[in-house]
Amino acid sequence: MEHRALPVPDGLEGERVDAALAKMLGFSRSFAAEIAQGGGVYLDGRTVGKSDRLVAGSWLEVSWAEKAGPEIVPVEVPELGIVHDDDDIVVIDKPAGVAAHPSLGWEGPTVLGALAGAGYRIATSGAPERQGIVHRLDVGTSGLMVVAKSEGAYSALKRAFKEREVEKIYHAVVQGHPDPLAGTIEGPIGRHPGSEWKFAVTAGGKPSVTHYETLEAFPYASLLEIELETGRTHQIRVHMSAQRHPCVGDTMYGADPRLSARLGLERQWLHAMRLGFRHPATGEQVSFESSYPADLRHALEVLRT
């Protein structure tokens, strides 16, 4: 059994217990909620639930049983492309259908499993099941990811993502035609009130900013270039859905399944096209690009004809 006693800082005044534990101890939000529901969280000696609010200056005590994280299973993923590799980082071109790291409920291949299967040594920083991972792509999103190989690279890249110093450019095909053709979407993103697996624009969410520009328009859809200013889970998918222009193929967020079927898509048309950042060891500004995979190219050809 693990036990921690922590003072509540001013910055967490009014924060929910589960959200605060996730920030203070690095727990997932769901694991923090599980601890609170089991009676393992105390505020100044009083048992509190997951949705109770913290008071700055109080003492938060937490007791929990260690829980083994999902195991990283080495696998072969022939489609995983190595775009760049050095002593500190490896930049990969992730295919759709591969998760960034193991998680409860996911039994498919992962980026970490593929790298382990190929003999890569990754930084040990981070939670055991996501060591070296400094950012993620959804399972159904293809494109560029950087993984830290050295501990110094992990720290530097985590800071760069947090400080919004990383260029993250995506291409997406969305239903309809955004009006205006270029603009900025701002809307706080948090858990969807009706689904454990979805997110939504909600008053209690985290500030989220998405910039977009229309590159090409089709009768039923538009090809957009999107730059993320923030990096929330499902951010592009949630923001475009909130504008009534969901990513084509993204039936979870309201895309028309008939159009997906006509285009032969089994996932959202969303690709991490370009990734740029300052190299954590050399300080040099580096940038990498990725081409569309075959399924996205085919969908575009159908739209153009």
Protein backbone atom coordinates (compact mmCIF):
# COMPACT_ATOMS: atom_id res chain seq x y z
CA MET A 1 0.00 0.00 0.00
CA GLU A 2 1.34 3.43 -0.96
CA HIS A 3 0.64 6.59 1.05
CA ARG A 4 1.35 10.27 0.35
CA ALA A 5 0.55 13.45 2.29
CA LEU A 6 0.72 16.67 0.29
CA PRO A 7 -0.11 20.35 0.91
CA VAL A 8 -2.63 21.76 -1.57
CA PRO A 9 -0.92 24.60 -3.52
CA ASP A 10 -2.69 27.86 -4.32
CA GLY A 11 -2.88 26.88 -7.99
CA LEU A 12 -5.18 23.96 -7.18
CA GLU A 13 -7.71 25.98 -5.19
CA GLY A 14 -11.18 24.77 -6.20
CA GLU A 15 -9.83 21.89 -8.34
CA ARG A 16 -11.66 18.56 -8.32
CA VAL A 17 -10.00 15.81 -6.29
CA ASP A 18 -9.53 13.43 -9.24
CA ALA A 19 -8.11 16.16 -11.48
CA ALA A 20 -5.76 17.35 -8.73
CA LEU A 21 -4.42 13.85 -8.05
CA ALA A 22 -3.75 13.40 -11.75
CA LYS A 23 -1.67 16.61 -11.75
CA MET A 24 0.09 16.12 -8.42
CA LEU A 25 0.92 12.41 -8.58
CA GLY A 26 0.82 11.65 -12.31
CA PHE A 27 -2.17 9.30 -12.02
CA SER A 28 -4.65 8.86 -14.83
CA ARG A 29 -7.92 10.67 -14.09
CA SER A 30 -9.78 7.34 -13.98
CA PHE A 31 -7.31 5.78 -11.49
CA ALA A 32 -7.53 8.87 -9.28
CA ALA A 33 -11.34 8.62 -9.33
CA GLU A 34 -11.10 4.93 -8.45
CA ILE A 35 -8.95 5.72 -5.38
CA ALA A 36 -11.37 8.41 -4.22
CA GLN A 37 -14.40 6.16 -4.72
CA GLY A 38 -12.67 3.52 -2.58
CA GLY A 39 -12.31 5.96 0.33
CA GLY A 40 -8.58 6.47 -0.05
CA VAL A 41 -8.47 10.28 -0.20
CA TYR A 42 -8.61 12.59 2.82
CA LEU A 43 -8.65 16.39 3.02
CA ASP A 44 -7.54 17.60 6.46
CA GLY A 45 -8.48 14.17 7.83
CA ARG A 46 -11.95 14.11 6.25
CA THR A 47 -12.76 11.56 3.55
CA VAL A 48 -13.56 13.22 0.22
CA GLY A 49 -14.97 11.96 -3.08
CA LYS A 50 -13.65 12.37 -6.60
CA SER A 51 -15.74 15.47 -7.39
CA ASP A 52 -15.12 17.33 -4.13
CA ARG A 53 -13.15 20.56 -4.45
CA LEU A 54 -9.79 21.30 -2.87
CA VAL A 55 -8.95 24.19 -0.55
CA ALA A 56 -5.50 25.78 -0.83
CA GLY A 57 -3.36 25.26 2.27
CA SER A 58 -5.18 22.08 3.27
CA TRP A 59 -3.42 18.71 3.56
CA LEU A 60 -4.34 16.04 1.07
CA GLU A 61 -3.64 12.45 2.10
CA VAL A 62 -3.84 9.61 -0.41
CA SER A 63 -3.55 5.85 0.10
CA TRP A 64 -3.63 3.40 -2.77
CA ALA A 65 -2.61 -0.10 -3.76
CA GLU A 66 0.00 -0.23 -6.52
CA LYS A 67 -1.57 -1.29 -9.77
CA ALA A 68 0.48 -2.95 -12.48
CA GLY A 69 0.29 -1.04 -15.73
CA PRO A 70 -0.35 -2.70 -19.07
CA GLU A 71 2.68 -4.64 -20.28
CA ILE A 72 4.71 -3.44 -23.27
CA VAL A 73 4.69 -6.42 -25.62
CA PRO A 74 7.35 -6.36 -28.38
CA VAL A 75 5.68 -6.74 -31.78
CA GLU A 76 6.55 -6.36 -35.43
CA VAL A 77 4.79 -3.50 -37.21
CA PRO A 78 6.19 -3.45 -40.78
CA GLU A 79 4.19 -0.31 -41.64
CA LEU A 80 5.89 1.71 -38.89
CA GLY A 81 8.27 4.07 -40.68
CA ILE A 82 11.46 5.38 -39.07
CA VAL A 83 11.84 8.95 -40.34
CA HIS A 84 14.79 9.97 -38.14
CA ASP A 85 16.91 8.18 -35.55
CA ASP A 86 19.80 9.39 -33.37
CA ASP A 87 21.06 8.91 -29.81
CA ASP A 88 18.35 11.11 -28.29
CA ILE A 89 15.17 10.81 -30.36
CA VAL A 90 13.41 8.63 -32.89
CA VAL A 91 10.80 10.16 -35.20
CA ILE A 92 8.29 7.68 -36.54
CA ASP A 93 5.55 7.66 -39.16
CA LYS A 94 2.73 5.90 -37.30
CA PRO A 95 0.16 3.94 -39.31
CA ALA A 96 -3.50 3.95 -38.32
CA GLY A 97 -4.50 1.06 -36.07
CA VAL A 98 -1.47 1.44 -33.79
CA ALA A 99 -1.74 3.04 -30.33
CA ALA A 100 1.05 5.18 -28.91
CA HIS A 101 1.44 3.01 -25.79
CA PRO A 102 -0.36 0.21 -23.93
CA SER A 103 -3.53 1.09 -22.09
CA LEU A 104 -6.29 -0.80 -20.32
CA GLY A 105 -8.73 -2.20 -22.85
CA TRP A 106 -6.35 -1.94 -25.85
CA GLU A 107 -5.03 -5.26 -27.14
CA GLY A 108 -3.63 -4.13 -30.49
CA PRO A 109 -0.09 -3.07 -31.47
CA THR A 110 1.59 -0.02 -29.94
CA VAL A 111 4.41 2.31 -30.94
CA LEU A 112 6.41 1.30 -27.86
CA GLY A 113 5.85 -2.38 -28.62
CA ALA A 114 6.97 -1.88 -32.21
CA LEU A 115 10.10 -0.02 -31.11
CA ALA A 116 10.87 -2.70 -28.52
CA GLY A 117 10.37 -5.37 -31.16
CA ALA A 118 12.85 -3.58 -33.41
CA GLY A 119 15.45 -3.42 -30.62
CA TYR A 120 15.21 0.26 -29.71
CA ARG A 121 16.17 1.42 -26.21
CA ILE A 122 13.79 4.19 -25.07
CA ALA A 123 14.02 6.67 -22.20
CA THR A 124 12.81 5.26 -18.89
CA SER A 125 11.18 8.56 -17.85
CA GLY A 126 7.39 8.60 -17.63
CA ALA A 127 4.88 6.03 -16.39
CA PRO A 128 6.06 2.42 -16.93
CA GLU A 129 3.62 1.77 -19.76
CA ARG A 130 4.42 5.02 -21.61
CA GLN A 131 8.16 5.52 -21.11
CA GLY A 132 9.68 7.89 -23.63
CA ILE A 133 6.29 9.04 -24.93
CA VAL A 134 6.13 12.86 -24.99
CA HIS A 135 2.95 13.20 -27.08
CA ARG A 136 0.39 10.90 -28.66
CA LEU A 137 -1.68 10.32 -31.77
CA ASP A 138 -5.07 8.62 -31.67
CA VAL A 139 -5.19 4.98 -32.77
CA GLY A 140 -7.07 5.99 -35.93
CA THR A 141 -4.78 8.93 -36.78
CA SER A 142 -1.68 8.37 -38.89
CA GLY A 143 1.48 10.44 -39.15
CA LEU A 144 4.46 11.79 -37.27
CA MET A 145 5.41 11.18 -33.64
CA VAL A 146 8.66 11.79 -31.77
CA VAL A 147 9.74 9.43 -28.98
CA ALA A 148 12.55 10.23 -26.53
CA LYS A 149 15.48 7.81 -26.32
CA SER A 150 17.50 9.68 -23.68
CA GLU A 151 16.35 11.06 -20.33
CA GLY A 152 17.50 14.56 -21.27
CA ALA A 153 15.51 14.44 -24.49
CA TYR A 154 12.40 13.35 -22.59
CA SER A 155 12.59 16.32 -20.22
CA ALA A 156 13.37 18.83 -22.97
CA LEU A 157 10.60 17.62 -25.28
CA LYS A 158 7.99 17.45 -22.53
CA ARG A 159 8.80 21.06 -21.69
CA ALA A 160 8.69 22.10 -25.37
CA PHE A 161 5.23 20.57 -25.83
CA LYS A 162 4.00 22.15 -22.61
CA GLU A 163 5.34 25.57 -23.62
CA ARG A 164 3.79 25.23 -27.11
CA GLU A 165 7.16 25.44 -28.84
CA VAL A 166 6.46 22.50 -31.16
CA GLU A 167 5.01 22.93 -34.66
CA LYS A 168 2.19 20.41 -35.17
CA ILE A 169 0.59 20.50 -38.62
CA TYR A 170 -2.20 18.11 -39.63
CA HIS A 171 -4.22 17.60 -42.79
CA ALA A 172 -7.86 16.64 -42.41
CA VAL A 173 -10.77 16.07 -44.74
CA VAL A 174 -13.95 17.31 -43.08
CA GLN A 175 -17.57 17.15 -44.11
CA GLY A 176 -18.99 20.27 -45.75
CA HIS A 177 -17.27 23.62 -46.16
CA PRO A 178 -16.12 25.66 -43.14
CA ASP A 179 -17.24 29.28 -43.12
CA PRO A 180 -14.98 31.21 -43.07
CA LEU A 181 -12.59 29.15 -45.17
CA ALA A 182 -9.77 29.91 -42.72
CA GLY A 183 -9.96 30.75 -39.06
CA THR A 184 -9.40 29.82 -35.44
CA ILE A 185 -11.57 27.61 -33.24
CA GLU A 186 -11.41 28.24 -29.49
CA GLY A 187 -13.38 26.05 -27.14
CA PRO A 188 -12.46 24.34 -23.84
CA ILE A 189 -12.27 20.56 -24.16
CA GLY A 190 -13.12 18.08 -21.41
CA ARG A 191 -14.66 14.66 -20.91
CA HIS A 192 -17.95 14.10 -22.72
CA PRO A 193 -20.73 14.03 -20.09
CA GLY A 194 -22.38 11.02 -21.71
CA SER A 195 -19.41 8.86 -22.71
CA GLU A 196 -16.25 7.68 -20.95
CA TRP A 197 -14.31 7.46 -24.22
CA LYS A 198 -15.31 10.74 -25.87
CA PHE A 199 -14.45 14.38 -25.34
CA ALA A 200 -16.45 17.52 -25.97
CA VAL A 201 -16.38 21.30 -25.90
CA THR A 202 -17.54 21.94 -22.37
CA ALA A 203 -17.47 24.84 -19.90
CA GLY A 204 -15.32 22.89 -17.45
CA GLY A 205 -12.74 21.82 -20.05
CA LYS A 206 -9.16 22.93 -20.69
CA PRO A 207 -8.52 25.91 -23.00
CA SER A 208 -8.00 24.61 -26.54
CA VAL A 209 -7.07 26.47 -29.73
CA THR A 210 -7.12 25.12 -33.30
CA HIS A 211 -6.13 27.07 -36.43
CA TYR A 212 -7.34 25.88 -39.85
CA GLU A 213 -7.13 26.82 -43.52
CA THR A 214 -9.03 25.30 -46.45
CA LEU A 215 -6.68 23.87 -49.07
CA GLU A 216 -9.22 22.29 -51.43
CA ALA A 217 -13.01 22.08 -51.62
CA PHE A 218 -15.05 19.15 -52.99
CA PRO A 219 -18.82 18.79 -53.48
CA TYR A 220 -19.30 17.15 -50.07
CA ALA A 221 -16.11 17.86 -48.15
CA SER A 222 -13.02 20.04 -47.71
CA LEU A 223 -9.33 19.35 -47.28
CA LEU A 224 -7.94 21.46 -44.43
CA GLU A 225 -4.49 22.25 -43.08
CA ILE A 226 -4.70 22.47 -39.31
CA GLU A 227 -2.20 23.78 -36.78
CA LEU A 228 -2.64 22.95 -33.12
CA GLU A 229 -1.79 25.65 -30.62
CA THR A 230 -2.75 23.36 -27.74
CA GLY A 231 -2.67 19.56 -27.66
CA ARG A 232 -5.80 18.15 -26.04
CA THR A 233 -6.98 14.58 -26.53
CA HIS A 234 -9.08 14.33 -29.73
CA GLN A 235 -8.73 18.11 -30.15
CA ILE A 236 -9.10 18.36 -33.95
CA ARG A 237 -11.90 15.80 -34.00
CA VAL A 238 -13.81 17.54 -31.19
CA HIS A 239 -13.38 21.08 -32.53
CA MET A 240 -14.36 20.19 -36.10
CA SER A 241 -17.36 18.20 -34.87
CA ALA A 242 -18.43 21.17 -32.73
CA GLN A 243 -18.42 23.29 -35.92
CA ARG A 244 -20.62 20.65 -37.62
CA HIS A 245 -17.72 19.66 -39.87
CA PRO A 246 -16.54 16.35 -38.42
CA CYS A 247 -13.55 14.61 -39.96
CA VAL A 248 -14.77 12.34 -42.75
CA GLY A 249 -14.86 8.76 -41.46
CA ASP A 250 -15.01 9.82 -37.80
CA THR A 251 -18.35 8.24 -36.93
CA MET A 252 -17.60 8.59 -33.19
CA TYR A 253 -17.91 12.35 -33.60
CA GLY A 254 -20.82 12.48 -35.99
CA ALA A 255 -19.43 11.77 -39.47
CA ASP A 256 -21.89 10.37 -42.02
CA PRO A 257 -21.16 6.61 -42.34
CA ARG A 258 -22.55 6.62 -45.89
CA LEU A 259 -19.84 9.02 -47.08
CA SER A 260 -17.18 6.99 -45.25
CA ALA A 261 -18.38 3.87 -47.06
CA ARG A 262 -18.32 5.58 -50.46
CA LEU A 263 -14.72 6.64 -49.86
CA GLY A 264 -13.66 3.25 -48.51
CA LEU A 265 -12.60 4.76 -45.16
CA GLU A 266 -12.54 2.72 -41.96
CA ARG A 267 -11.14 5.53 -39.79
CA GLN A 268 -11.04 9.32 -39.62
CA TRP A 269 -9.32 11.19 -42.48
CA LEU A 270 -6.70 12.82 -40.28
CA HIS A 271 -2.94 12.79 -40.75
CA ALA A 272 -0.09 14.34 -38.74
CA MET A 273 1.66 15.90 -41.69
CA ARG A 274 4.51 17.94 -40.24
CA LEU A 275 6.35 18.04 -36.92
CA GLY A 276 8.94 20.67 -36.05
CA PHE A 277 10.88 21.37 -32.86
CA ARG A 278 14.27 22.33 -31.46
CA HIS A 279 16.44 19.21 -31.18
CA PRO A 280 16.77 18.47 -27.45
CA ALA A 281 20.51 17.75 -27.66
CA THR A 282 21.87 20.04 -30.40
CA GLY A 283 19.43 22.94 -30.15
CA GLU A 284 19.04 22.86 -33.93
CA GLN A 285 15.56 23.53 -35.34
CA VAL A 286 14.43 20.34 -37.11
CA SER A 287 11.32 19.60 -39.15
CA PHE A 288 9.91 16.38 -40.57
CA GLU A 289 7.13 15.66 -43.08
CA SER A 290 4.99 12.64 -43.90
CA SER A 291 3.05 11.68 -47.04
CA TYR A 292 -0.57 10.51 -47.00
CA PRO A 293 -0.99 6.74 -46.57
CA ALA A 294 -2.79 4.72 -49.23
CA ASP A 295 -6.29 4.78 -47.70
CA LEU A 296 -6.28 8.58 -47.38
CA ARG A 297 -4.92 9.02 -50.93
CA HIS A 298 -7.67 6.78 -52.29
CA ALA A 299 -10.38 8.75 -50.47
CA LEU A 300 -9.03 12.00 -51.93
CA GLU A 301 -9.01 10.55 -55.45
CA VAL A 302 -12.65 9.53 -55.08
CA LEU A 303 -13.61 13.00 -53.81
CA ARG A 304 -11.81 14.68 -56.71
CA THR A 305 -13.63 12.59 -59.29
